[in-house]
Amino acid sequence: MANEGASDGEAFPIQRKAPVRLFTDSGWMTGTLHVPEKEPLLDFLNSDRSFFTLTEVALQHGAKLPFLALARNAILLIEPTEEELVESIGRTSTRTKLRQVSALFQGGMIMGTLALPADSRVSDEVMAASGFLVVGNCTIGLDAPDGPPAMEAALTVLVSAARLIGVAEMTGS
């Protein structure tokens, strides 16, 4: 079912609101993404859109915006709310294996769990990725200009593969 929304009769899909917290080149912000109702968040983010529509935006330093068209290539991390359906990182089968990884990006790093095909190497999957990777049970470390890195935990984070500097699989010693 679609809504008539454009003046030329073009139909728009019914949308749902997906509250998110994002880390960008300008720091943390919160807002609401507008996602087609039946489309999973990860599929929406991995589409060919260059910009995402955010409403109810709060920037790191307190500024509030009713609307922001946010460039895909400005996003480093997206932390969806627990209510948002994101493929479970904890679900495994004989075809998947959980890998502990550490990913470096400009301004920090993230450590967590990445679910990959059982017969695949982390490097192969990351090199082939063009969108967002789902990393679960995370610790995020962000560089602080005047002290130690700021550390925080997150249940699930979507990481922009295009913005990563490097990824290492953490193996037990």
N, C-alpha and C. Protein backbone atom coordinates (compact mmCIF):
# COMPACT_ATOMS: atom_id res chain seq x y z
N MET A 1 0.84 -1.17 0.00
CA MET A 1 0.00 0.00 0.00
C MET A 1 0.89 1.23 0.00
N ALA A 2 0.54 2.22 -0.75
CA ALA A 2 1.36 3.43 -0.86
C ALA A 2 0.50 4.65 -0.64
N ASN A 3 1.14 5.73 -0.27
CA ASN A 3 0.47 7.02 -0.11
C ASN A 3 0.75 7.86 -1.34
N GLU A 4 -0.23 8.62 -1.74
CA GLU A 4 0.01 9.58 -2.81
C GLU A 4 0.63 10.79 -2.15
N GLY A 5 1.89 11.10 -2.50
CA GLY A 5 2.56 12.18 -1.79
C GLY A 5 3.20 13.18 -2.71
N ALA A 6 3.49 12.83 -3.91
CA ALA A 6 4.15 13.75 -4.81
C ALA A 6 3.12 14.40 -5.71
N SER A 7 3.41 15.59 -6.15
CA SER A 7 2.46 16.31 -6.98
C SER A 7 2.26 15.64 -8.34
N ASP A 8 3.23 14.87 -8.79
CA ASP A 8 3.09 14.22 -10.09
C ASP A 8 2.43 12.84 -9.98
N GLY A 9 1.85 12.54 -8.82
CA GLY A 9 1.16 11.27 -8.65
C GLY A 9 2.06 10.11 -8.26
N GLU A 10 3.34 10.38 -8.02
CA GLU A 10 4.28 9.33 -7.63
C GLU A 10 3.91 8.80 -6.24
N ALA A 11 3.90 7.49 -6.07
CA ALA A 11 3.51 6.87 -4.81
C ALA A 11 4.71 6.71 -3.89
N PHE A 12 4.51 6.94 -2.60
CA PHE A 12 5.54 6.74 -1.59
C PHE A 12 5.10 5.63 -0.66
N PRO A 13 6.01 4.77 -0.25
CA PRO A 13 5.61 3.70 0.68
C PRO A 13 5.28 4.26 2.06
N ILE A 14 4.44 3.56 2.77
CA ILE A 14 4.16 3.92 4.16
C ILE A 14 5.45 3.75 4.94
N GLN A 15 5.75 4.71 5.80
CA GLN A 15 7.01 4.67 6.54
C GLN A 15 6.78 4.49 8.03
N ARG A 16 7.80 3.92 8.67
CA ARG A 16 7.81 3.80 10.13
C ARG A 16 8.97 4.63 10.63
N LYS A 17 8.89 5.01 11.90
CA LYS A 17 9.95 5.80 12.51
C LYS A 17 10.91 4.88 13.24
N ALA A 18 12.20 5.06 12.99
CA ALA A 18 13.24 4.25 13.63
C ALA A 18 14.20 5.19 14.36
N PRO A 19 14.02 5.35 15.68
CA PRO A 19 14.93 6.20 16.45
C PRO A 19 16.33 5.59 16.46
N VAL A 20 17.35 6.42 16.24
CA VAL A 20 18.72 5.95 16.19
C VAL A 20 19.64 6.98 16.86
N ARG A 21 20.81 6.49 17.21
CA ARG A 21 21.92 7.33 17.67
C ARG A 21 23.02 7.09 16.65
N LEU A 22 23.61 8.17 16.14
CA LEU A 22 24.61 8.05 15.08
C LEU A 22 25.90 8.76 15.47
N PHE A 23 27.03 8.17 15.06
CA PHE A 23 28.30 8.85 15.21
C PHE A 23 28.75 9.26 13.82
N THR A 24 28.99 10.57 13.65
CA THR A 24 29.38 11.12 12.36
C THR A 24 30.68 11.91 12.51
N ASP A 25 31.11 12.50 11.43
CA ASP A 25 32.29 13.35 11.48
C ASP A 25 32.09 14.53 12.43
N SER A 26 30.84 14.89 12.70
CA SER A 26 30.53 16.00 13.61
C SER A 26 30.25 15.54 15.03
N GLY A 27 30.45 14.27 15.32
CA GLY A 27 30.18 13.73 16.66
C GLY A 27 28.87 12.97 16.71
N TRP A 28 28.42 12.70 17.93
CA TRP A 28 27.18 11.95 18.14
C TRP A 28 25.97 12.83 17.84
N MET A 29 24.92 12.22 17.34
CA MET A 29 23.62 12.86 17.19
C MET A 29 22.55 11.79 17.35
N THR A 30 21.36 12.22 17.72
CA THR A 30 20.22 11.32 17.75
C THR A 30 19.18 11.86 16.78
N GLY A 31 18.32 10.98 16.34
CA GLY A 31 17.27 11.40 15.43
C GLY A 31 16.39 10.22 15.07
N THR A 32 15.46 10.48 14.20
CA THR A 32 14.52 9.45 13.76
C THR A 32 14.66 9.27 12.26
N LEU A 33 15.04 8.05 11.86
CA LEU A 33 15.08 7.70 10.44
C LEU A 33 13.67 7.35 9.98
N HIS A 34 13.37 7.62 8.74
CA HIS A 34 12.07 7.27 8.17
C HIS A 34 12.30 6.15 7.17
N VAL A 35 11.87 4.95 7.56
CA VAL A 35 12.17 3.70 6.85
C VAL A 35 10.87 3.13 6.28
N PRO A 36 10.87 2.66 5.03
CA PRO A 36 9.67 1.99 4.52
C PRO A 36 9.21 0.90 5.50
N GLU A 37 7.92 0.88 5.77
CA GLU A 37 7.35 0.05 6.83
C GLU A 37 7.79 -1.41 6.80
N LYS A 38 7.86 -2.01 5.65
CA LYS A 38 8.16 -3.44 5.58
C LYS A 38 9.61 -3.75 5.27
N GLU A 39 10.46 -2.73 5.27
CA GLU A 39 11.86 -2.93 4.92
C GLU A 39 12.71 -3.00 6.20
N PRO A 40 13.52 -4.04 6.36
CA PRO A 40 14.40 -4.09 7.53
C PRO A 40 15.38 -2.91 7.53
N LEU A 41 15.72 -2.43 8.71
CA LEU A 41 16.61 -1.27 8.82
C LEU A 41 17.92 -1.49 8.07
N LEU A 42 18.53 -2.66 8.22
CA LEU A 42 19.81 -2.92 7.56
C LEU A 42 19.68 -2.86 6.04
N ASP A 43 18.61 -3.40 5.49
CA ASP A 43 18.39 -3.34 4.04
C ASP A 43 18.22 -1.89 3.58
N PHE A 44 17.48 -1.12 4.36
CA PHE A 44 17.28 0.30 4.05
C PHE A 44 18.62 1.04 4.03
N LEU A 45 19.43 0.81 5.05
CA LEU A 45 20.73 1.49 5.15
C LEU A 45 21.69 1.04 4.06
N ASN A 46 21.57 -0.20 3.63
CA ASN A 46 22.47 -0.74 2.60
C ASN A 46 21.95 -0.52 1.18
N SER A 47 20.90 0.27 1.03
CA SER A 47 20.38 0.60 -0.30
C SER A 47 21.32 1.62 -0.95
N ASP A 48 20.96 2.07 -2.14
CA ASP A 48 21.83 2.99 -2.87
C ASP A 48 21.57 4.46 -2.55
N ARG A 49 20.89 4.75 -1.46
CA ARG A 49 20.62 6.15 -1.09
C ARG A 49 21.92 6.89 -0.74
N SER A 50 22.06 8.10 -1.19
CA SER A 50 23.22 8.94 -0.84
C SER A 50 22.96 9.72 0.44
N PHE A 51 21.68 9.99 0.73
CA PHE A 51 21.28 10.74 1.92
C PHE A 51 20.13 10.02 2.61
N PHE A 52 20.07 10.16 3.93
CA PHE A 52 18.98 9.61 4.72
C PHE A 52 18.22 10.77 5.36
N THR A 53 16.90 10.62 5.46
CA THR A 53 16.06 11.63 6.09
C THR A 53 16.01 11.38 7.59
N LEU A 54 16.42 12.38 8.35
CA LEU A 54 16.34 12.33 9.81
C LEU A 54 15.45 13.46 10.29
N THR A 55 14.59 13.19 11.25
CA THR A 55 13.80 14.24 11.89
C THR A 55 14.08 14.18 13.38
N GLU A 56 13.63 15.22 14.10
CA GLU A 56 13.81 15.29 15.55
C GLU A 56 15.28 15.09 15.93
N VAL A 57 16.15 15.82 15.27
CA VAL A 57 17.59 15.65 15.41
C VAL A 57 18.13 16.46 16.58
N ALA A 58 18.96 15.82 17.39
CA ALA A 58 19.67 16.51 18.48
C ALA A 58 21.15 16.28 18.27
N LEU A 59 21.89 17.37 18.08
CA LEU A 59 23.32 17.28 17.87
C LEU A 59 24.06 17.19 19.20
N GLN A 60 25.29 16.75 19.14
CA GLN A 60 26.10 16.50 20.33
C GLN A 60 26.18 17.71 21.26
N HIS A 61 26.25 18.88 20.70
CA HIS A 61 26.45 20.08 21.51
C HIS A 61 25.14 20.79 21.84
N GLY A 62 24.02 20.10 21.72
CA GLY A 62 22.75 20.63 22.18
C GLY A 62 21.85 21.24 21.13
N ALA A 63 22.34 21.51 19.95
CA ALA A 63 21.49 22.09 18.91
C ALA A 63 20.43 21.07 18.49
N LYS A 64 19.23 21.57 18.20
CA LYS A 64 18.13 20.70 17.76
C LYS A 64 17.67 21.17 16.38
N LEU A 65 17.41 20.17 15.52
CA LEU A 65 16.95 20.45 14.17
C LEU A 65 15.70 19.63 13.90
N PRO A 66 14.69 20.22 13.27
CA PRO A 66 13.50 19.44 12.95
C PRO A 66 13.75 18.44 11.82
N PHE A 67 14.71 18.75 10.94
CA PHE A 67 14.98 17.91 9.77
C PHE A 67 16.46 18.02 9.40
N LEU A 68 17.03 16.89 8.98
CA LEU A 68 18.39 16.88 8.47
C LEU A 68 18.50 15.80 7.40
N ALA A 69 18.97 16.17 6.22
CA ALA A 69 19.30 15.19 5.19
C ALA A 69 20.76 14.83 5.45
N LEU A 70 20.99 13.63 5.96
CA LEU A 70 22.31 13.20 6.40
C LEU A 70 22.98 12.35 5.33
N ALA A 71 24.17 12.75 4.92
CA ALA A 71 24.92 12.03 3.89
C ALA A 71 25.38 10.67 4.42
N ARG A 72 25.16 9.63 3.63
CA ARG A 72 25.59 8.28 3.98
C ARG A 72 27.08 8.26 4.32
N ASN A 73 27.89 8.94 3.52
CA ASN A 73 29.33 8.86 3.72
C ASN A 73 29.83 9.64 4.94
N ALA A 74 28.95 10.34 5.64
CA ALA A 74 29.32 11.02 6.89
C ALA A 74 29.13 10.12 8.10
N ILE A 75 28.42 9.01 7.94
CA ILE A 75 28.07 8.14 9.06
C ILE A 75 29.17 7.10 9.29
N LEU A 76 29.64 7.02 10.53
CA LEU A 76 30.59 5.99 10.92
C LEU A 76 29.87 4.84 11.61
N LEU A 77 29.01 5.17 12.58
CA LEU A 77 28.30 4.16 13.37
C LEU A 77 26.83 4.55 13.52
N ILE A 78 25.98 3.54 13.55
CA ILE A 78 24.56 3.75 13.86
C ILE A 78 24.20 2.78 14.98
N GLU A 79 23.65 3.33 16.04
CA GLU A 79 23.17 2.49 17.14
C GLU A 79 21.65 2.55 17.14
N PRO A 80 21.00 1.47 16.68
CA PRO A 80 19.53 1.46 16.69
C PRO A 80 19.02 1.21 18.11
N THR A 81 17.76 1.54 18.33
CA THR A 81 17.17 1.23 19.63
C THR A 81 16.95 -0.28 19.72
N GLU A 82 16.80 -0.77 20.93
CA GLU A 82 16.60 -2.22 21.13
C GLU A 82 15.32 -2.70 20.47
N GLU A 83 14.34 -1.81 20.31
CA GLU A 83 13.06 -2.19 19.70
C GLU A 83 13.19 -2.41 18.20
N GLU A 84 14.19 -1.78 17.59
CA GLU A 84 14.35 -1.90 16.14
C GLU A 84 14.84 -3.29 15.80
N LEU A 85 14.22 -3.88 14.82
CA LEU A 85 14.59 -5.23 14.43
C LEU A 85 15.84 -5.21 13.55
N VAL A 86 16.93 -5.71 14.10
CA VAL A 86 18.17 -5.86 13.36
C VAL A 86 18.52 -7.33 13.48
N GLU A 87 19.02 -7.90 12.41
CA GLU A 87 19.36 -9.31 12.44
C GLU A 87 20.18 -9.62 13.68
N SER A 88 19.77 -10.63 14.41
CA SER A 88 20.41 -10.96 15.68
C SER A 88 21.85 -11.40 15.48
N ILE A 89 22.76 -10.76 16.18
CA ILE A 89 24.17 -11.11 16.09
C ILE A 89 24.44 -12.41 16.84
N GLY A 90 23.59 -12.75 17.79
CA GLY A 90 23.82 -13.94 18.60
C GLY A 90 23.34 -15.23 17.96
N ARG A 91 22.57 -15.12 16.87
CA ARG A 91 22.01 -16.30 16.23
C ARG A 91 23.07 -16.94 15.33
N THR A 92 23.35 -18.20 15.57
CA THR A 92 24.30 -18.90 14.71
C THR A 92 23.69 -20.21 14.25
N SER A 93 24.26 -20.74 13.23
CA SER A 93 23.85 -22.05 12.73
C SER A 93 25.13 -22.73 12.25
N THR A 94 24.98 -23.86 11.60
CA THR A 94 26.16 -24.53 11.07
C THR A 94 26.77 -23.74 9.93
N ARG A 95 26.02 -22.77 9.40
CA ARG A 95 26.52 -21.96 8.29
C ARG A 95 27.15 -20.64 8.74
N THR A 96 27.00 -20.27 10.02
CA THR A 96 27.58 -19.01 10.50
C THR A 96 28.46 -19.26 11.72
N LYS A 97 29.38 -18.34 11.90
CA LYS A 97 30.29 -18.40 13.05
C LYS A 97 30.47 -16.99 13.58
N LEU A 98 30.45 -16.84 14.90
CA LEU A 98 30.69 -15.55 15.51
C LEU A 98 32.18 -15.30 15.60
N ARG A 99 32.61 -14.12 15.18
CA ARG A 99 34.03 -13.75 15.21
C ARG A 99 34.19 -12.50 16.06
N GLN A 100 35.16 -12.52 16.95
CA GLN A 100 35.49 -11.34 17.74
C GLN A 100 36.41 -10.46 16.89
N VAL A 101 36.01 -9.22 16.69
CA VAL A 101 36.78 -8.32 15.85
C VAL A 101 37.05 -6.99 16.55
N SER A 102 38.05 -6.33 16.05
CA SER A 102 38.38 -4.97 16.45
C SER A 102 38.48 -4.17 15.16
N ALA A 103 37.73 -3.08 15.08
CA ALA A 103 37.68 -2.27 13.86
C ALA A 103 38.13 -0.85 14.16
N LEU A 104 39.07 -0.37 13.38
CA LEU A 104 39.63 0.97 13.56
C LEU A 104 39.00 1.92 12.54
N PHE A 105 38.56 3.09 13.01
CA PHE A 105 38.05 4.12 12.13
C PHE A 105 38.62 5.46 12.58
N GLN A 106 38.51 6.48 11.74
CA GLN A 106 39.03 7.80 12.08
C GLN A 106 38.39 8.27 13.38
N GLY A 107 39.18 8.45 14.41
CA GLY A 107 38.67 8.95 15.68
C GLY A 107 38.35 7.90 16.71
N GLY A 108 38.60 6.61 16.42
CA GLY A 108 38.32 5.61 17.43
C GLY A 108 38.35 4.19 16.92
N MET A 109 37.78 3.32 17.74
CA MET A 109 37.70 1.91 17.37
C MET A 109 36.49 1.27 18.04
N ILE A 110 36.10 0.14 17.50
CA ILE A 110 34.99 -0.63 18.06
C ILE A 110 35.44 -2.07 18.15
N MET A 111 35.11 -2.71 19.27
CA MET A 111 35.40 -4.13 19.46
C MET A 111 34.07 -4.83 19.70
N GLY A 112 33.88 -5.97 19.04
CA GLY A 112 32.63 -6.68 19.22
C GLY A 112 32.58 -7.96 18.41
N THR A 113 31.37 -8.45 18.20
CA THR A 113 31.14 -9.73 17.56
C THR A 113 30.51 -9.53 16.19
N LEU A 114 31.08 -10.20 15.20
CA LEU A 114 30.60 -10.14 13.82
C LEU A 114 30.21 -11.56 13.42
N ALA A 115 28.99 -11.74 12.92
CA ALA A 115 28.54 -13.06 12.46
C ALA A 115 28.86 -13.20 10.98
N LEU A 116 29.64 -14.22 10.64
CA LEU A 116 30.06 -14.44 9.26
C LEU A 116 29.79 -15.88 8.85
N PRO A 117 29.74 -16.13 7.54
CA PRO A 117 29.64 -17.52 7.10
C PRO A 117 30.78 -18.34 7.70
N ALA A 118 30.49 -19.55 8.12
CA ALA A 118 31.46 -20.38 8.84
C ALA A 118 32.75 -20.60 8.05
N ASP A 119 32.65 -20.68 6.73
CA ASP A 119 33.83 -20.96 5.92
C ASP A 119 34.51 -19.71 5.37
N SER A 120 34.17 -18.54 5.94
CA SER A 120 34.67 -17.27 5.43
C SER A 120 35.67 -16.64 6.39
N ARG A 121 36.62 -15.90 5.83
CA ARG A 121 37.58 -15.16 6.65
C ARG A 121 37.06 -13.74 6.87
N VAL A 122 37.39 -13.15 8.01
CA VAL A 122 36.98 -11.79 8.31
C VAL A 122 37.44 -10.85 7.20
N SER A 123 38.69 -10.97 6.77
CA SER A 123 39.22 -10.07 5.75
C SER A 123 38.43 -10.16 4.45
N ASP A 124 38.04 -11.36 4.03
CA ASP A 124 37.28 -11.52 2.80
C ASP A 124 35.92 -10.84 2.89
N GLU A 125 35.24 -11.02 4.01
CA GLU A 125 33.91 -10.43 4.18
C GLU A 125 33.97 -8.91 4.25
N VAL A 126 34.95 -8.39 4.95
CA VAL A 126 35.06 -6.94 5.08
C VAL A 126 35.44 -6.31 3.74
N MET A 127 36.34 -6.93 3.00
CA MET A 127 36.73 -6.39 1.70
C MET A 127 35.56 -6.39 0.72
N ALA A 128 34.65 -7.33 0.85
CA ALA A 128 33.50 -7.42 -0.05
C ALA A 128 32.34 -6.53 0.39
N ALA A 129 32.37 -6.06 1.64
CA ALA A 129 31.26 -5.27 2.18
C ALA A 129 31.24 -3.88 1.56
N SER A 130 30.05 -3.41 1.23
CA SER A 130 29.92 -2.07 0.69
C SER A 130 28.97 -1.21 1.51
N GLY A 131 28.28 -1.81 2.45
CA GLY A 131 27.32 -1.06 3.26
C GLY A 131 27.69 -1.07 4.72
N PHE A 132 26.71 -1.38 5.55
CA PHE A 132 26.90 -1.40 6.99
C PHE A 132 27.03 -2.83 7.48
N LEU A 133 27.95 -3.05 8.41
CA LEU A 133 28.17 -4.34 9.05
C LEU A 133 27.52 -4.33 10.42
N VAL A 134 26.91 -5.44 10.82
CA VAL A 134 26.29 -5.55 12.13
C VAL A 134 27.31 -6.11 13.12
N VAL A 135 27.64 -5.31 14.13
CA VAL A 135 28.57 -5.73 15.17
C VAL A 135 27.81 -5.73 16.48
N GLY A 136 27.84 -6.85 17.19
CA GLY A 136 27.10 -6.98 18.43
C GLY A 136 28.00 -7.01 19.65
N ASN A 137 27.39 -6.81 20.81
CA ASN A 137 28.09 -6.84 22.09
C ASN A 137 29.37 -6.02 22.02
N CYS A 138 29.22 -4.74 21.76
CA CYS A 138 30.33 -3.85 21.40
C CYS A 138 30.88 -3.05 22.57
N THR A 139 32.12 -2.69 22.41
CA THR A 139 32.74 -1.63 23.18
C THR A 139 33.24 -0.62 22.16
N ILE A 140 32.81 0.63 22.34
CA ILE A 140 33.20 1.70 21.43
C ILE A 140 34.18 2.59 22.16
N GLY A 141 35.31 2.85 21.54
CA GLY A 141 36.30 3.76 22.10
C GLY A 141 36.51 4.93 21.16
N LEU A 142 36.28 6.13 21.67
CA LEU A 142 36.43 7.33 20.85
C LEU A 142 37.57 8.17 21.40
N ASP A 143 38.45 8.61 20.51
CA ASP A 143 39.57 9.44 20.91
C ASP A 143 39.06 10.71 21.59
N ALA A 144 39.73 11.10 22.68
CA ALA A 144 39.42 12.35 23.36
C ALA A 144 40.65 13.25 23.25
N PRO A 145 40.46 14.50 22.85
CA PRO A 145 41.62 15.37 22.63
C PRO A 145 42.43 15.66 23.89
N ASP A 146 41.79 15.67 25.04
CA ASP A 146 42.48 16.06 26.27
C ASP A 146 42.51 14.96 27.33
N GLY A 147 42.62 13.70 26.92
CA GLY A 147 42.65 12.64 27.92
C GLY A 147 42.50 11.28 27.29
N PRO A 148 42.20 10.30 28.14
CA PRO A 148 42.04 8.94 27.63
C PRO A 148 40.79 8.81 26.76
N PRO A 149 40.74 7.79 25.91
CA PRO A 149 39.56 7.60 25.06
C PRO A 149 38.29 7.43 25.89
N ALA A 150 37.19 7.91 25.36
CA ALA A 150 35.89 7.71 25.99
C ALA A 150 35.39 6.33 25.57
N MET A 151 35.05 5.49 26.54
CA MET A 151 34.62 4.12 26.26
C MET A 151 33.14 3.97 26.64
N GLU A 152 32.41 3.22 25.82
CA GLU A 152 31.02 2.90 26.15
C GLU A 152 30.64 1.57 25.52
N ALA A 153 29.61 0.97 26.08
CA ALA A 153 29.13 -0.32 25.59
C ALA A 153 27.86 -0.12 24.77
N ALA A 154 27.63 -1.02 23.81
CA ALA A 154 26.41 -1.00 23.00
C ALA A 154 26.02 -2.43 22.67
N LEU A 155 24.73 -2.70 22.63
CA LEU A 155 24.25 -4.03 22.29
C LEU A 155 24.50 -4.35 20.82
N THR A 156 24.12 -3.44 19.93
CA THR A 156 24.30 -3.63 18.49
C THR A 156 24.66 -2.30 17.86
N VAL A 157 25.64 -2.32 16.98
CA VAL A 157 26.03 -1.13 16.23
C VAL A 157 26.18 -1.52 14.77
N LEU A 158 25.71 -0.66 13.89
CA LEU A 158 25.88 -0.84 12.46
C LEU A 158 27.06 0.04 12.05
N VAL A 159 28.09 -0.57 11.51
CA VAL A 159 29.34 0.12 11.20
C VAL A 159 29.47 0.27 9.69
N SER A 160 29.79 1.47 9.25
CA SER A 160 29.98 1.72 7.82
C SER A 160 31.29 1.09 7.36
N ALA A 161 31.20 0.08 6.52
CA ALA A 161 32.39 -0.60 6.01
C ALA A 161 33.27 0.37 5.23
N ALA A 162 32.66 1.30 4.54
CA ALA A 162 33.40 2.26 3.72
C ALA A 162 34.24 3.21 4.56
N ARG A 163 33.89 3.39 5.83
CA ARG A 163 34.59 4.33 6.69
C ARG A 163 35.65 3.66 7.56
N LEU A 164 35.77 2.34 7.47
CA LEU A 164 36.74 1.63 8.30
C LEU A 164 38.15 1.80 7.75
N ILE A 165 39.10 1.93 8.66
CA ILE A 165 40.51 1.97 8.30
C ILE A 165 41.06 0.55 8.25
N GLY A 166 40.61 -0.27 9.20
CA GLY A 166 41.06 -1.66 9.23
C GLY A 166 40.25 -2.48 10.21
N VAL A 167 40.26 -3.79 10.00
CA VAL A 167 39.54 -4.72 10.87
C VAL A 167 40.47 -5.89 11.17
N ALA A 168 40.54 -6.29 12.43
CA ALA A 168 41.35 -7.44 12.82
C ALA A 168 40.48 -8.43 13.55
N GLU A 169 40.69 -9.71 13.27
CA GLU A 169 40.01 -10.75 14.04
C GLU A 169 40.82 -10.96 15.31
N MET A 170 40.14 -10.93 16.44
CA MET A 170 40.81 -11.09 17.73
C MET A 170 40.79 -12.60 18.05
N THR A 171 41.95 -13.17 18.18
CA THR A 171 42.06 -14.59 18.49
C THR A 171 42.59 -14.77 19.89
N GLY A 172 42.16 -15.83 20.56
CA GLY A 172 42.64 -16.12 21.90
C GLY A 172 44.10 -16.51 21.87
N SER A 173 44.85 -16.11 22.91
CA SER A 173 46.26 -16.49 22.94
C SER A 173 46.53 -17.57 23.94
